[in-house]
C-alpha atoms as a PDB file:
ATOM      1  CA  MET A   1      75.604 134.315 152.387  1.00  0.00           C
ATOM      2  CA  LYS A   2      74.169 132.568 149.162  1.00  0.00           C
ATOM      3  CA  TYR A   3      75.562 129.890 147.234  1.00  0.00           C
ATOM      4  CA  ILE A   4      76.013 130.362 143.680  1.00  0.00           C
ATOM      5  CA  CYS A   5      75.455 127.349 141.764  1.00  0.00           C
ATOM      6  CA  PRO A   6      78.528 127.231 139.166  1.00  0.00           C
ATOM      7  CA  ILE A   7      76.076 125.814 136.676  1.00  0.00           C
ATOM      8  CA  CYS A   8      74.204 128.734 136.636  1.00  0.00           C
ATOM      9  CA  ILE A   9      77.326 130.829 136.173  1.00  0.00           C
ATOM     10  CA  CYS A  10      78.224 128.840 133.344  1.00  0.00           C
ATOM     11  CA  LEU A  11      74.664 129.000 131.723  1.00  0.00           C
ATOM     12  CA  LEU A  12      74.771 132.624 132.088  1.00  0.00           C
ATOM     13  CA  LEU A  13      78.107 133.206 130.820  1.00  0.00           C
ATOM     14  CA  PHE A  14      77.267 131.389 127.640  1.00  0.00           C
ATOM     15  CA  LEU A  15      73.893 132.698 126.940  1.00  0.00           C
ATOM     16  CA  MET A  16      75.814 136.309 127.074  1.00  0.00           C
ATOM     17  CA  SER A  17      78.383 135.358 124.887  1.00  0.00           C
ATOM     18  CA  GLY A  18      75.677 135.359 121.925  1.00  0.00           C
ATOM     19  CA  CYS A  19      75.489 139.179 122.705  1.00  0.00           C
ATOM     20  CA  LEU A  20      78.987 139.330 121.524  1.00  0.00           C
ATOM     21  CA  GLU A  21      79.652 140.876 118.722  1.00  0.00           C
ATOM     22  CA  ASP A  22      80.823 138.631 115.743  1.00  0.00           C
ATOM     23  CA  PRO A  23      84.534 138.358 115.434  1.00  0.00           C
ATOM     24  CA  THR A  24      84.037 138.143 111.404  1.00  0.00           C
ATOM     25  CA  PRO A  25      81.395 140.779 110.354  1.00  0.00           C
ATOM     26  CA  SER A  26      79.988 139.998 106.930  1.00  0.00           C
ATOM     27  CA  ASN A  27      81.030 143.814 105.582  1.00  0.00           C
ATOM     28  CA  VAL A  28      84.954 142.163 106.007  1.00  0.00           C
ATOM     29  CA  ASP A  29      87.573 143.071 102.950  1.00  0.00           C
ATOM     30  CA  ILE A  30      87.643 139.900 100.959  1.00  0.00           C
ATOM     31  CA  PRO A  31      91.391 138.354 100.652  1.00  0.00           C
ATOM     32  CA  GLU A  32      93.085 138.732  97.826  1.00  0.00           C
ATOM     33  CA  GLU A  33      94.228 134.778  97.733  1.00  0.00           C
ATOM     34  CA  VAL A  34      92.823 132.235 100.245  1.00  0.00           C
ATOM     35  CA  GLU A  35      92.562 128.560  99.916  1.00  0.00           C
ATOM     36  CA  GLY A  36      89.245 127.305  99.547  1.00  0.00           C
ATOM     37  CA  MET A  37      86.948 125.322  96.965  1.00  0.00           C
ATOM     38  CA  ARG A  38      86.515 125.718  93.398  1.00  0.00           C
ATOM     39  CA  PRO A  39      83.437 123.909  91.350  1.00  0.00           C
ATOM     40  CA  ILE A  40      85.003 121.007  89.001  1.00  0.00           C
ATOM     41  CA  TYR A  41      82.676 122.199  85.753  1.00  0.00           C
ATOM     42  CA  PHE A  42      81.253 119.246  83.388  1.00  0.00           C
ATOM     43  CA  GLU A  43      80.133 120.436  79.822  1.00  0.00           C
ATOM     44  CA  GLY A  44      77.405 118.796  78.827  1.00  0.00           C
ATOM     45  CA  GLU A  45      77.477 114.986  79.074  1.00  0.00           C
ATOM     46  CA  GLU A  46      81.417 114.644  78.736  1.00  0.00           C
ATOM     47  CA  TRP A  47      80.875 113.014  82.699  1.00  0.00           C
ATOM     48  CA  LYS A  48      79.638 109.865  81.184  1.00  0.00           C
ATOM     49  CA  SER A  49      82.557 109.024  79.324  1.00  0.00           C
ATOM     50  CA  PHE A  50      83.820 105.969  80.325  1.00  0.00           C
ATOM     51  CA  SER A  51      87.768 104.620  79.051  1.00  0.00           C
ATOM     52  CA  VAL A  52      90.473 102.245  80.345  1.00  0.00           C
ATOM     53  CA  SER A  53      94.315 103.444  79.565  1.00  0.00           C
ATOM     54  CA  GLY A  54      97.411 102.292  81.133  1.00  0.00           C
ATOM     55  CA  PRO A  55      98.540 102.988  84.397  1.00  0.00           C
ATOM     56  CA  GLU A  56      98.964 106.614  85.189  1.00  0.00           C
ATOM     57  CA  PRO A  57     100.909 108.679  88.209  1.00  0.00           C
ATOM     58  CA  VAL A  58      98.780 108.744  91.441  1.00  0.00           C
ATOM     59  CA  GLN A  59      98.283 112.692  91.919  1.00  0.00           C
ATOM     60  CA  ARG A  60      95.645 113.112  94.894  1.00  0.00           C
ATOM     61  CA  LEU A  61      95.481 109.538  96.443  1.00  0.00           C
ATOM     62  CA  GLY A  62      91.903 109.268  97.603  1.00  0.00           C
ATOM     63  CA  LYS A  63      89.718 105.870  98.931  1.00  0.00           C
ATOM     64  CA  ILE A  64      91.494 102.647  98.905  1.00  0.00           C
ATOM     65  CA  TYR A  65      89.782  99.675  97.964  1.00  0.00           C
ATOM     66  CA  TYR A  66      91.681  95.909  98.183  1.00  0.00           C
ATOM     67  CA  LYS A  67      90.852  92.447  96.258  1.00  0.00           C
ATOM     68  CA  ASP A  68      92.732  89.473  95.499  1.00  0.00           C
ATOM     69  CA  GLN A  69      96.000  91.278  95.588  1.00  0.00           C
ATOM     70  CA  HIS A  70      95.019  93.915  93.634  1.00  0.00           C
ATOM     71  CA  ILE A  71      94.649  97.823  94.646  1.00  0.00           C
ATOM     72  CA  PHE A  72      91.733  99.848  93.579  1.00  0.00           C
ATOM     73  CA  VAL A  73      92.621 103.543  94.208  1.00  0.00           C
ATOM     74  CA  ILE A  74      90.263 106.126  93.493  1.00  0.00           C
ATOM     75  CA  GLU A  75      91.664 109.495  92.549  1.00  0.00           C
ATOM     76  CA  LYS A  76      88.577 111.650  93.433  1.00  0.00           C
ATOM     77  CA  ASN A  77      86.829 112.949  90.122  1.00  0.00           C
ATOM     78  CA  LYS A  78      88.936 111.511  87.782  1.00  0.00           C
ATOM     79  CA  GLY A  79      88.715 107.715  87.973  1.00  0.00           C
ATOM     80  CA  ILE A  80      90.168 104.500  89.714  1.00  0.00           C
ATOM     81  CA  HIS A  81      94.005 103.492  89.524  1.00  0.00           C
ATOM     82  CA  ILE A  82      94.674  99.520  89.279  1.00  0.00           C
ATOM     83  CA  ILE A  83      97.650  98.305  91.352  1.00  0.00           C
ATOM     84  CA  ASP A  84      99.062  94.809  91.174  1.00  0.00           C
ATOM     85  CA  ASN A  85     100.063  94.132  94.637  1.00  0.00           C
ATOM     86  CA  THR A  86     101.277  90.696  94.540  1.00  0.00           C
ATOM     87  CA  ASN A  87     104.260  91.695  95.515  1.00  0.00           C
ATOM     88  CA  PRO A  88     103.568  94.163  98.519  1.00  0.00           C
ATOM     89  CA  ALA A  89     107.442  95.171  98.561  1.00  0.00           C
ATOM     90  CA  ASN A  90     106.898  95.742  94.351  1.00  0.00           C
ATOM     91  CA  PRO A  91     103.534  97.425  94.240  1.00  0.00           C
ATOM     92  CA  THR A  92     103.063  97.353  89.943  1.00  0.00           C
ATOM     93  CA  PRO A  93     100.454 100.283  88.487  1.00  0.00           C
ATOM     94  CA  ILE A  94      98.385  98.226  85.570  1.00  0.00           C
ATOM     95  CA  ARG A  95      95.422 100.165  84.393  1.00  0.00           C
ATOM     96  CA  PHE A  96      93.400 103.113  84.959  1.00  0.00           C
ATOM     97  CA  ILE A  97      89.834 103.745  84.823  1.00  0.00           C
ATOM     98  CA  ASN A  98      88.593 107.550  83.386  1.00  0.00           C
ATOM     99  CA  LEU A  99      85.677 108.456  85.698  1.00  0.00           C
ATOM    100  CA  LYS A 100      85.592 112.236  85.727  1.00  0.00           C
ATOM    101  CA  SER A 101      83.307 112.180  88.174  1.00  0.00           C
ATOM    102  CA  CYS A 102      83.800 108.882  90.414  1.00  0.00           C
ATOM    103  CA  ASN A 103      84.784 109.044  94.184  1.00  0.00           C
ATOM    104  CA  ASP A 104      83.926 105.690  95.820  1.00  0.00           C
ATOM    105  CA  VAL A 105      84.148 102.204  94.787  1.00  0.00           C
ATOM    106  CA  ALA A 106      83.186  98.595  96.036  1.00  0.00           C
ATOM    107  CA  ILE A 107      83.594  95.062  94.761  1.00  0.00           C
ATOM    108  CA  LYS A 108      81.482  91.927  94.476  1.00  0.00           C
ATOM    109  CA  GLY A 109      82.865  89.034  92.383  1.00  0.00           C
ATOM    110  CA  ASN A 110      84.473  90.623  89.247  1.00  0.00           C
ATOM    111  CA  ILE A 111      81.945  93.592  89.463  1.00  0.00           C
ATOM    112  CA  LEU A 112      83.312  96.607  90.472  1.00  0.00           C
ATOM    113  CA  TYR A 113      80.532  99.509  91.191  1.00  0.00           C
ATOM    114  CA  ALA A 114      81.589 102.767  91.126  1.00  0.00           C
ATOM    115  CA  ASP A 115      79.619 105.952  91.150  1.00  0.00           C
ATOM    116  CA  ASN A 116      80.113 108.196  88.152  1.00  0.00           C
ATOM    117  CA  TYR A 117      78.540 111.799  88.914  1.00  0.00           C
ATOM    118  CA  THR A 118      74.528 111.014  89.636  1.00  0.00           C
ATOM    119  CA  ASP A 119      74.802 107.662  87.802  1.00  0.00           C
ATOM    120  CA  LEU A 120      76.080 103.667  89.560  1.00  0.00           C
ATOM    121  CA  LEU A 121      78.304 101.977  87.035  1.00  0.00           C
ATOM    122  CA  SER A 122      79.082  98.377  87.111  1.00  0.00           C
ATOM    123  CA  ILE A 123      82.348  97.078  85.450  1.00  0.00           C
ATOM    124  CA  ASP A 124      83.423  93.971  84.575  1.00  0.00           C
ATOM    125  CA  ILE A 125      87.118  93.286  86.000  1.00  0.00           C
ATOM    126  CA  SER A 126      87.531  89.525  85.653  1.00  0.00           C
ATOM    127  CA  ASP A 127      89.905  90.561  82.799  1.00  0.00           C
ATOM    128  CA  PHE A 128      92.223  93.438  83.546  1.00  0.00           C
ATOM    129  CA  ASN A 129      93.494  93.550  80.149  1.00  0.00           C
ATOM    130  CA  ASP A 130      89.999  93.776  78.965  1.00  0.00           C
ATOM    131  CA  ILE A 131      88.075  95.960  81.418  1.00  0.00           C
ATOM    132  CA  GLN A 132      84.169  96.397  80.500  1.00  0.00           C
ATOM    133  CA  LEU A 133      81.044  98.489  80.903  1.00  0.00           C
ATOM    134  CA  VAL A 134      78.311  96.265  82.186  1.00  0.00           C
ATOM    135  CA  ASN A 135      75.622  98.898  82.698  1.00  0.00           C
ATOM    136  CA  ARG A 136      75.159 101.910  84.218  1.00  0.00           C
ATOM    137  CA  LEU A 137      71.872 103.265  86.590  1.00  0.00           C
ATOM    138  CA  PRO A 138      70.739 106.466  86.035  1.00  0.00           C
ATOM    139  CA  ASN A 139      70.278 109.520  88.094  1.00  0.00           C
ATOM    140  CA  LEU A 140      70.646 107.374  90.991  1.00  0.00           C
ATOM    141  CA  TYR A 141      72.627 109.954  93.276  1.00  0.00           C
ATOM    142  CA  PRO A 142      71.318 113.692  93.511  1.00  0.00           C
ATOM    143  CA  ALA A 143      73.755 115.878  91.544  1.00  0.00           C
ATOM    144  CA  PRO A 144      76.378 118.406  93.536  1.00  0.00           C
ATOM    145  CA  LEU A 145      75.637 121.323  95.582  1.00  0.00           C
ATOM    146  CA  THR A 146      76.010 124.228  93.904  1.00  0.00           C
ATOM    147  CA  TYR A 147      77.939 125.005  97.322  1.00  0.00           C
ATOM    148  CA  PRO A 148      80.685 122.720  98.713  1.00  0.00           C
ATOM    149  CA  ASN A 149      78.373 120.807 101.258  1.00  0.00           C
ATOM    150  CA  ASN A 150      80.621 120.371 104.965  1.00  0.00           C
ATOM    151  CA  PHE A 151      82.868 123.022 104.259  1.00  0.00           C
ATOM    152  CA  SER A 152      83.192 126.259 106.262  1.00  0.00           C
ATOM    153  CA  GLY A 153      85.024 128.927 104.113  1.00  0.00           C
ATOM    154  CA  TYR A 154      85.413 130.580 100.940  1.00  0.00           C
ATOM    155  CA  PHE A 155      84.585 128.855  97.899  1.00  0.00           C
ATOM    156  CA  GLU A 156      84.217 129.951  94.334  1.00  0.00           C
ATOM    157  CA  CYS A 157      80.154 131.039  93.311  1.00  0.00           C
ATOM    158  CA  PHE A 158      78.853 128.622  90.944  1.00  0.00           C
ATOM    159  CA  ASP A 159      78.573 130.227  87.541  1.00  0.00           C
ATOM    160  CA  SER A 160      75.991 128.288  85.498  1.00  0.00           C
ATOM    161  CA  SER A 161      77.497 129.461  82.043  1.00  0.00           C
ATOM    162  CA  LYS A 162      80.858 127.502  82.796  1.00  0.00           C
ATOM    163  CA  GLY A 163      78.726 124.318  82.789  1.00  0.00           C
ATOM    164  CA  GLN A 164      77.304 121.636  85.796  1.00  0.00           C
ATOM    165  CA  ILE A 165      79.296 121.145  88.940  1.00  0.00           C
ATOM    166  CA  GLY A 166      81.020 117.741  88.900  1.00  0.00           C
ATOM    167  CA  GLY A 167      82.340 117.901  92.299  1.00  0.00           C
ATOM    168  CA  TRP A 168      84.526 120.299  94.484  1.00  0.00           C
ATOM    169  CA  GLU A 169      88.395 120.435  94.976  1.00  0.00           C
ATOM    170  CA  MET A 170      91.064 122.495  97.369  1.00  0.00           C
ATOM    171  CA  ALA A 171      92.546 125.130  95.493  1.00  0.00           C
ATOM    172  CA  THR A 172      94.195 129.024  95.796  1.00  0.00           C
ATOM    173  CA  LEU A 173      91.576 131.612  94.946  1.00  0.00           C
ATOM    174  CA  THR A 174      91.699 135.002  94.173  1.00  0.00           C
ATOM    175  CA  ARG A 175      89.253 137.535  95.671  1.00  0.00           C
ATOM    176  CA  PRO A 176      86.364 134.764  95.498  1.00  0.00           C
ATOM    177  CA  GLU A 177      82.959 136.317  96.880  1.00  0.00           C
ATOM    178  CA  CYS A 178      81.554 133.701  98.511  1.00  0.00           C
ATOM    179  CA  ARG A 179      81.575 132.104 101.916  1.00  0.00           C
ATOM    180  CA  ARG A 180      79.750 129.547 103.999  1.00  0.00           C
END
């Protein structure tokens, strides 16, 4: 009796699995409602707006940065919450930097660096009562794609008549036509 290599059997089964029918063929009916990604649109250059306001409630917690007893919390595609953490038992929100297309920050000294759509902003945070935009480096980052990157599933198709894409967010979609 000949000996059959277990690795050969596994390899043969793996190769044959490519011949099986796709479990989700392209002619499947689109679901009425499904969780997926929806583009966040900006008209013109509204994404360039920069302002500072009083504290706002955190709705969708994003990345967190800690420096000198202060916590900087990103609210993706909305802005940056600044929280005084001098008393960790009672953190106190103190300011909100409105940046419509912010996803990340870094801080060196008293300068906060934040991405803003395709630009990099330098923001002076030496005085939380007088936060100032110091510099804007335009077109440092590529514009967001017309489909959600690193995502597999349904998404709302890009519609250029609604503006330019500033980012993507999870949402309940009604009969989405696009899928990756």
